[in-house]
Amino acid sequence: MTAWVAMSWTIISTNCSLKRFVAEVMPTASELGIRMCVHPDDPPRPLFGLPRIFSKQEDFEYLTALHDDLANGITLCAGSLGASPHNNVPEIAEKFAKRIHFAHLRNVQIEEDGSFQESEHLDGAVRMPLLVWVLLQEEKNRQADDRADFNIPFRPDHGHELLSDAEMETHPGYPLVGRLRGLAEIRGVIDGLNYASGERSQFGA
């Protein structure tokens, strides 16, 4: 019981800190046209006794309700959210699409014991083509609404070590060739979805 109370209090106090931060920062961000975007907890589960307060759809709902403005936004990290089998990442993206200001399009494979590891970008727990489609639809909606920030910046984020990556001094999880492969795959998905939707003029068709 003592451990549960301590954890609950930590969750409450951490959420209170988030609430104070939003109250202090977001009005000014709104006034200046700044887009703030919080990154989900990685991993989306308690770590070393520290609770997680931004790892599921309910947490997104709590954050966005604190300050109902586009300035109060989200970094959609597919890998961080996808590491929990309870998260449907494309559905979360669709529900909070207007608040997504940055996307980390990485993927993970969840093991039977609940652990996870980095996977190929198009082969993991997250249905990446569907997620990309959701983001493309949101970009179209923003263009229709004349939003200046209609483009959603993204990066492939992590990747596997390939070819000369093993010989390079890089931060773990951020190899050059592996991430370039991921970027090429995601760009291929984007072009394929655009072509299939009838936007073929950019392909010379």
C-alpha atoms as a PDB file:
ATOM      1  CA  MET A   1       0.000   0.000   0.000  1.00  0.00           C
ATOM      2  CA  THR A   2       2.816   2.394   0.826  1.00  0.00           C
ATOM      3  CA  ALA A   3       4.469   1.870  -2.556  1.00  0.00           C
ATOM      4  CA  TRP A   4       1.156   2.455  -4.366  1.00  0.00           C
ATOM      5  CA  VAL A   5       0.514   5.702  -2.473  1.00  0.00           C
ATOM      6  CA  ALA A   6       4.031   6.934  -3.219  1.00  0.00           C
ATOM      7  CA  MET A   7       3.649   6.191  -6.934  1.00  0.00           C
ATOM      8  CA  SER A   8       0.204   7.807  -7.064  1.00  0.00           C
ATOM      9  CA  TRP A   9       1.473  10.919  -5.370  1.00  0.00           C
ATOM     10  CA  THR A  10       4.346  11.125  -7.824  1.00  0.00           C
ATOM     11  CA  ILE A  11       1.940  10.868 -10.757  1.00  0.00           C
ATOM     12  CA  ILE A  12      -0.248  13.580  -9.240  1.00  0.00           C
ATOM     13  CA  SER A  13       2.661  15.888  -8.493  1.00  0.00           C
ATOM     14  CA  THR A  14       4.146  15.390 -11.970  1.00  0.00           C
ATOM     15  CA  ASN A  15       0.813  16.177 -13.606  1.00  0.00           C
ATOM     16  CA  CYS A  16       0.574  19.278 -11.413  1.00  0.00           C
ATOM     17  CA  SER A  17       3.985  20.388 -12.675  1.00  0.00           C
ATOM     18  CA  LEU A  18       2.830  19.861 -16.265  1.00  0.00           C
ATOM     19  CA  LYS A  19      -0.325  21.858 -15.572  1.00  0.00           C
ATOM     20  CA  ARG A  20       1.697  24.757 -14.115  1.00  0.00           C
ATOM     21  CA  PHE A  21       4.073  24.706 -17.091  1.00  0.00           C
ATOM     22  CA  VAL A  22       1.218  24.812 -19.597  1.00  0.00           C
ATOM     23  CA  ALA A  23      -0.487  27.624 -17.697  1.00  0.00           C
ATOM     24  CA  GLU A  24       2.698  29.707 -17.641  1.00  0.00           C
ATOM     25  CA  VAL A  25       4.033  29.050 -21.153  1.00  0.00           C
ATOM     26  CA  MET A  26       1.166  28.340 -23.544  1.00  0.00           C
ATOM     27  CA  PRO A  27      -0.620  31.729 -23.431  1.00  0.00           C
ATOM     28  CA  THR A  28       2.593  33.445 -24.545  1.00  0.00           C
ATOM     29  CA  ALA A  29       3.254  30.756 -27.149  1.00  0.00           C
ATOM     30  CA  SER A  30      -0.260  31.302 -28.508  1.00  0.00           C
ATOM     31  CA  GLU A  31       0.269  35.047 -28.646  1.00  0.00           C
ATOM     32  CA  LEU A  32       3.554  34.692 -30.543  1.00  0.00           C
ATOM     33  CA  GLY A  33       2.354  31.954 -32.899  1.00  0.00           C
ATOM     34  CA  ILE A  34       4.787  29.404 -31.486  1.00  0.00           C
ATOM     35  CA  ARG A  35       3.981  25.702 -31.789  1.00  0.00           C
ATOM     36  CA  MET A  36       5.031  23.706 -28.724  1.00  0.00           C
ATOM     37  CA  CYS A  37       5.014  19.918 -29.003  1.00  0.00           C
ATOM     38  CA  VAL A  38       5.603  17.479 -26.161  1.00  0.00           C
ATOM     39  CA  HIS A  39       7.241  14.108 -26.839  1.00  0.00           C
ATOM     40  CA  PRO A  40       5.571  10.964 -25.451  1.00  0.00           C
ATOM     41  CA  ASP A  41       7.237   9.048 -22.643  1.00  0.00           C
ATOM     42  CA  ASP A  42       9.797   6.575 -23.918  1.00  0.00           C
ATOM     43  CA  PRO A  43       9.252   3.831 -22.949  1.00  0.00           C
ATOM     44  CA  PRO A  44       5.529   4.189 -22.195  1.00  0.00           C
ATOM     45  CA  ARG A  45       5.743   2.504 -18.792  1.00  0.00           C
ATOM     46  CA  PRO A  46       7.171   3.324 -15.345  1.00  0.00           C
ATOM     47  CA  LEU A  47      10.963   3.295 -15.351  1.00  0.00           C
ATOM     48  CA  PHE A  48      13.198   3.007 -12.266  1.00  0.00           C
ATOM     49  CA  GLY A  49      10.203   3.857 -10.117  1.00  0.00           C
ATOM     50  CA  LEU A  50       9.391   7.003 -12.088  1.00  0.00           C
ATOM     51  CA  PRO A  51       5.823   7.236 -13.402  1.00  0.00           C
ATOM     52  CA  ARG A  52       4.857   8.120 -16.958  1.00  0.00           C
ATOM     53  CA  ILE A  53       2.315  10.839 -17.610  1.00  0.00           C
ATOM     54  CA  PHE A  54       2.282  11.041 -21.421  1.00  0.00           C
ATOM     55  CA  SER A  55       2.095   7.582 -22.896  1.00  0.00           C
ATOM     56  CA  LYS A  56      -1.525   6.880 -23.917  1.00  0.00           C
ATOM     57  CA  GLN A  57      -4.580   8.511 -25.481  1.00  0.00           C
ATOM     58  CA  GLU A  58      -6.006   9.644 -22.148  1.00  0.00           C
ATOM     59  CA  ASP A  59      -2.790  11.547 -21.464  1.00  0.00           C
ATOM     60  CA  PHE A  60      -3.120  13.337 -24.807  1.00  0.00           C
ATOM     61  CA  GLU A  61      -6.669  14.294 -23.887  1.00  0.00           C
ATOM     62  CA  TYR A  62      -5.518  15.665 -20.539  1.00  0.00           C
ATOM     63  CA  LEU A  63      -2.706  17.732 -22.052  1.00  0.00           C
ATOM     64  CA  THR A  64      -4.671  19.229 -24.930  1.00  0.00           C
ATOM     65  CA  ALA A  65      -7.545  20.165 -22.604  1.00  0.00           C
ATOM     66  CA  LEU A  66      -5.221  22.156 -20.348  1.00  0.00           C
ATOM     67  CA  HIS A  67      -4.879  24.843 -23.030  1.00  0.00           C
ATOM     68  CA  ASP A  68      -7.214  24.449 -25.997  1.00  0.00           C
ATOM     69  CA  ASP A  69      -5.056  26.056 -28.644  1.00  0.00           C
ATOM     70  CA  LEU A  70      -2.821  24.905 -31.500  1.00  0.00           C
ATOM     71  CA  ALA A  71       0.194  26.195 -29.580  1.00  0.00           C
ATOM     72  CA  ASN A  72      -0.285  23.320 -27.142  1.00  0.00           C
ATOM     73  CA  GLY A  73       0.769  20.509 -29.450  1.00  0.00           C
ATOM     74  CA  ILE A  74       2.279  17.062 -29.765  1.00  0.00           C
ATOM     75  CA  THR A  75       5.330  15.345 -31.169  1.00  0.00           C
ATOM     76  CA  LEU A  76       3.884  12.117 -32.504  1.00  0.00           C
ATOM     77  CA  CYS A  77       6.566   9.494 -31.850  1.00  0.00           C
ATOM     78  CA  ALA A  78       5.285   6.284 -33.417  1.00  0.00           C
ATOM     79  CA  GLY A  79       7.917   4.156 -31.718  1.00  0.00           C
ATOM     80  CA  SER A  80       7.349   5.469 -28.201  1.00  0.00           C
ATOM     81  CA  LEU A  81       3.584   5.045 -28.446  1.00  0.00           C
ATOM     82  CA  GLY A  82       3.829   1.814 -30.420  1.00  0.00           C
ATOM     83  CA  ALA A  83       5.886   0.172 -27.682  1.00  0.00           C
ATOM     84  CA  SER A  84       2.640  -0.237 -25.739  1.00  0.00           C
ATOM     85  CA  PRO A  85       0.281  -2.897 -27.155  1.00  0.00           C
ATOM     86  CA  HIS A  86      -2.616  -0.832 -25.812  1.00  0.00           C
ATOM     87  CA  ASN A  87      -1.942   2.081 -28.169  1.00  0.00           C
ATOM     88  CA  ASN A  88      -3.405   2.234 -31.671  1.00  0.00           C
ATOM     89  CA  VAL A  89      -1.028   4.829 -33.052  1.00  0.00           C
ATOM     90  CA  PRO A  90      -2.916   5.690 -36.290  1.00  0.00           C
ATOM     91  CA  GLU A  91      -6.115   6.187 -34.276  1.00  0.00           C
ATOM     92  CA  ILE A  92      -4.344   8.445 -31.785  1.00  0.00           C
ATOM     93  CA  ALA A  93      -2.830  10.410 -34.662  1.00  0.00           C
ATOM     94  CA  GLU A  94      -6.217  10.845 -36.315  1.00  0.00           C
ATOM     95  CA  LYS A  95      -7.884  12.035 -33.125  1.00  0.00           C
ATOM     96  CA  PHE A  96      -5.203  14.620 -32.315  1.00  0.00           C
ATOM     97  CA  ALA A  97      -4.107  15.400 -35.873  1.00  0.00           C
ATOM     98  CA  LYS A  98      -4.594  19.158 -35.568  1.00  0.00           C
ATOM     99  CA  ARG A  99      -2.154  19.250 -32.660  1.00  0.00           C
ATOM    100  CA  ILE A 100       0.659  17.257 -34.312  1.00  0.00           C
ATOM    101  CA  HIS A 101       3.542  19.620 -35.074  1.00  0.00           C
ATOM    102  CA  PHE A 102       6.328  17.040 -35.514  1.00  0.00           C
ATOM    103  CA  ALA A 103       6.369  13.314 -36.288  1.00  0.00           C
ATOM    104  CA  HIS A 104       8.977  10.682 -35.435  1.00  0.00           C
ATOM    105  CA  LEU A 105       8.201   7.826 -37.811  1.00  0.00           C
ATOM    106  CA  ARG A 106      10.046   4.911 -36.261  1.00  0.00           C
ATOM    107  CA  ASN A 107       8.740   1.439 -35.538  1.00  0.00           C
ATOM    108  CA  VAL A 108       9.157  -1.231 -32.884  1.00  0.00           C
ATOM    109  CA  GLN A 109       8.530  -4.942 -32.517  1.00  0.00           C
ATOM    110  CA  ILE A 110       6.855  -6.030 -29.264  1.00  0.00           C
ATOM    111  CA  GLU A 111       7.993  -9.365 -27.811  1.00  0.00           C
ATOM    112  CA  GLU A 112       5.804 -11.890 -25.973  1.00  0.00           C
ATOM    113  CA  ASP A 113       7.180 -10.812 -22.588  1.00  0.00           C
ATOM    114  CA  GLY A 114       6.235  -7.180 -23.237  1.00  0.00           C
ATOM    115  CA  SER A 115       9.742  -6.017 -24.090  1.00  0.00           C
ATOM    116  CA  PHE A 116      10.359  -4.358 -27.437  1.00  0.00           C
ATOM    117  CA  GLN A 117      13.101  -3.611 -29.901  1.00  0.00           C
ATOM    118  CA  GLU A 118      13.634  -1.310 -32.835  1.00  0.00           C
ATOM    119  CA  SER A 119      12.278  -2.808 -36.048  1.00  0.00           C
ATOM    120  CA  GLU A 120      12.367  -1.890 -39.704  1.00  0.00           C
ATOM    121  CA  HIS A 121      10.301   1.210 -40.394  1.00  0.00           C
ATOM    122  CA  LEU A 122       7.637  -0.615 -42.399  1.00  0.00           C
ATOM    123  CA  ASP A 123       7.648  -3.863 -40.409  1.00  0.00           C
ATOM    124  CA  GLY A 124       6.617  -3.497 -36.787  1.00  0.00           C
ATOM    125  CA  ALA A 125       3.781  -2.970 -34.343  1.00  0.00           C
ATOM    126  CA  VAL A 126       2.788   0.357 -35.926  1.00  0.00           C
ATOM    127  CA  ARG A 127       0.943   0.245 -39.255  1.00  0.00           C
ATOM    128  CA  MET A 128       3.218   2.824 -40.810  1.00  0.00           C
ATOM    129  CA  PRO A 129       1.458   3.266 -44.201  1.00  0.00           C
ATOM    130  CA  LEU A 130      -1.828   3.941 -42.390  1.00  0.00           C
ATOM    131  CA  LEU A 131      -0.143   6.388 -40.027  1.00  0.00           C
ATOM    132  CA  VAL A 132       1.465   8.223 -42.944  1.00  0.00           C
ATOM    133  CA  TRP A 133      -1.929   8.381 -44.667  1.00  0.00           C
ATOM    134  CA  VAL A 134      -3.450  10.002 -41.561  1.00  0.00           C
ATOM    135  CA  LEU A 135      -0.708  12.649 -41.560  1.00  0.00           C
ATOM    136  CA  LEU A 136      -1.134  13.325 -45.288  1.00  0.00           C
ATOM    137  CA  GLN A 137      -4.882  13.777 -44.780  1.00  0.00           C
ATOM    138  CA  GLU A 138      -4.213  16.258 -42.000  1.00  0.00           C
ATOM    139  CA  GLU A 139      -1.867  18.221 -44.254  1.00  0.00           C
ATOM    140  CA  LYS A 140      -4.655  18.464 -46.835  1.00  0.00           C
ATOM    141  CA  ASN A 141      -7.088  19.640 -44.155  1.00  0.00           C
ATOM    142  CA  ARG A 142      -4.643  22.310 -43.046  1.00  0.00           C
ATOM    143  CA  GLN A 143      -4.185  23.525 -46.593  1.00  0.00           C
ATOM    144  CA  ALA A 144      -7.965  23.780 -46.964  1.00  0.00           C
ATOM    145  CA  ASP A 145      -8.043  25.829 -43.760  1.00  0.00           C
ATOM    146  CA  ASP A 146      -5.235  28.083 -45.075  1.00  0.00           C
ATOM    147  CA  ARG A 147      -2.944  27.129 -42.203  1.00  0.00           C
ATOM    148  CA  ALA A 148       0.595  28.352 -42.801  1.00  0.00           C
ATOM    149  CA  ASP A 149       1.929  25.304 -40.966  1.00  0.00           C
ATOM    150  CA  PHE A 150       0.228  22.759 -43.217  1.00  0.00           C
ATOM    151  CA  ASN A 151       3.430  20.736 -43.668  1.00  0.00           C
ATOM    152  CA  ILE A 152       4.066  18.330 -40.782  1.00  0.00           C
ATOM    153  CA  PRO A 153       7.838  17.924 -40.367  1.00  0.00           C
ATOM    154  CA  PHE A 154       8.955  14.349 -39.822  1.00  0.00           C
ATOM    155  CA  ARG A 155      12.077  12.281 -39.466  1.00  0.00           C
ATOM    156  CA  PRO A 156      12.691   8.523 -39.643  1.00  0.00           C
ATOM    157  CA  ASP A 157      14.264   8.872 -36.209  1.00  0.00           C
ATOM    158  CA  HIS A 158      16.066   5.629 -35.341  1.00  0.00           C
ATOM    159  CA  GLY A 159      17.397   2.899 -37.616  1.00  0.00           C
ATOM    160  CA  HIS A 160      19.417  -0.302 -37.828  1.00  0.00           C
ATOM    161  CA  GLU A 161      23.158  -0.281 -38.385  1.00  0.00           C
ATOM    162  CA  LEU A 162      23.802  -1.120 -42.049  1.00  0.00           C
ATOM    163  CA  LEU A 163      26.926  -1.301 -44.234  1.00  0.00           C
ATOM    164  CA  SER A 164      29.479   1.251 -42.983  1.00  0.00           C
ATOM    165  CA  ASP A 165      27.374   2.297 -40.000  1.00  0.00           C
ATOM    166  CA  ALA A 166      29.236  -0.134 -37.736  1.00  0.00           C
ATOM    167  CA  GLU A 167      32.510   1.667 -38.504  1.00  0.00           C
ATOM    168  CA  MET A 168      31.171   5.132 -37.722  1.00  0.00           C
ATOM    169  CA  GLU A 169      31.140   6.815 -34.339  1.00  0.00           C
ATOM    170  CA  THR A 170      27.478   7.645 -33.903  1.00  0.00           C
ATOM    171  CA  HIS A 171      25.026   7.744 -31.036  1.00  0.00           C
ATOM    172  CA  PRO A 172      23.329   4.362 -30.499  1.00  0.00           C
ATOM    173  CA  GLY A 173      20.159   4.116 -32.535  1.00  0.00           C
ATOM    174  CA  TYR A 174      21.093   6.926 -34.921  1.00  0.00           C
ATOM    175  CA  PRO A 175      23.115   5.346 -37.747  1.00  0.00           C
ATOM    176  CA  LEU A 176      23.470   7.259 -40.998  1.00  0.00           C
ATOM    177  CA  VAL A 177      22.776   4.509 -43.551  1.00  0.00           C
ATOM    178  CA  GLY A 178      20.058   2.842 -41.485  1.00  0.00           C
ATOM    179  CA  ARG A 179      18.129   6.068 -41.087  1.00  0.00           C
ATOM    180  CA  LEU A 180      18.563   6.939 -44.759  1.00  0.00           C
ATOM    181  CA  ARG A 181      17.009   3.586 -45.601  1.00  0.00           C
ATOM    182  CA  GLY A 182      14.092   4.371 -43.313  1.00  0.00           C
ATOM    183  CA  LEU A 183      13.680   7.811 -44.862  1.00  0.00           C
ATOM    184  CA  ALA A 184      13.679   6.313 -48.365  1.00  0.00           C
ATOM    185  CA  GLU A 185      11.024   3.780 -47.375  1.00  0.00           C
ATOM    186  CA  ILE A 186       8.778   6.421 -45.808  1.00  0.00           C
ATOM    187  CA  ARG A 187       9.156   8.744 -48.779  1.00  0.00           C
ATOM    188  CA  GLY A 188       8.213   5.821 -51.000  1.00  0.00           C
ATOM    189  CA  VAL A 189       5.049   5.313 -48.939  1.00  0.00           C
ATOM    190  CA  ILE A 190       4.238   9.021 -49.223  1.00  0.00           C
ATOM    191  CA  ASP A 191       4.672   9.048 -52.999  1.00  0.00           C
ATOM    192  CA  GLY A 192       2.689   5.828 -53.373  1.00  0.00           C
ATOM    193  CA  LEU A 193      -0.213   7.155 -51.309  1.00  0.00           C
ATOM    194  CA  ASN A 194      -0.225  10.458 -53.195  1.00  0.00           C
ATOM    195  CA  TYR A 195      -0.220   8.629 -56.521  1.00  0.00           C
ATOM    196  CA  ALA A 196      -3.011   6.288 -55.444  1.00  0.00           C
ATOM    197  CA  SER A 197      -5.127   9.237 -54.277  1.00  0.00           C
ATOM    198  CA  GLY A 198      -5.031  10.746 -57.766  1.00  0.00           C
ATOM    199  CA  GLU A 199      -2.380  13.411 -57.177  1.00  0.00           C
ATOM    200  CA  ARG A 200      -0.361  12.230 -60.168  1.00  0.00           C
ATOM    201  CA  SER A 201       0.725  15.511 -61.681  1.00  0.00           C
ATOM    202  CA  GLN A 202       3.845  15.557 -59.493  1.00  0.00           C
ATOM    203  CA  PHE A 203       4.878  12.269 -61.108  1.00  0.00           C
ATOM    204  CA  GLY A 204       4.528  13.571 -64.666  1.00  0.00           C
ATOM    205  CA  ALA A 205       1.384  11.551 -65.231  1.00  0.00           C
END
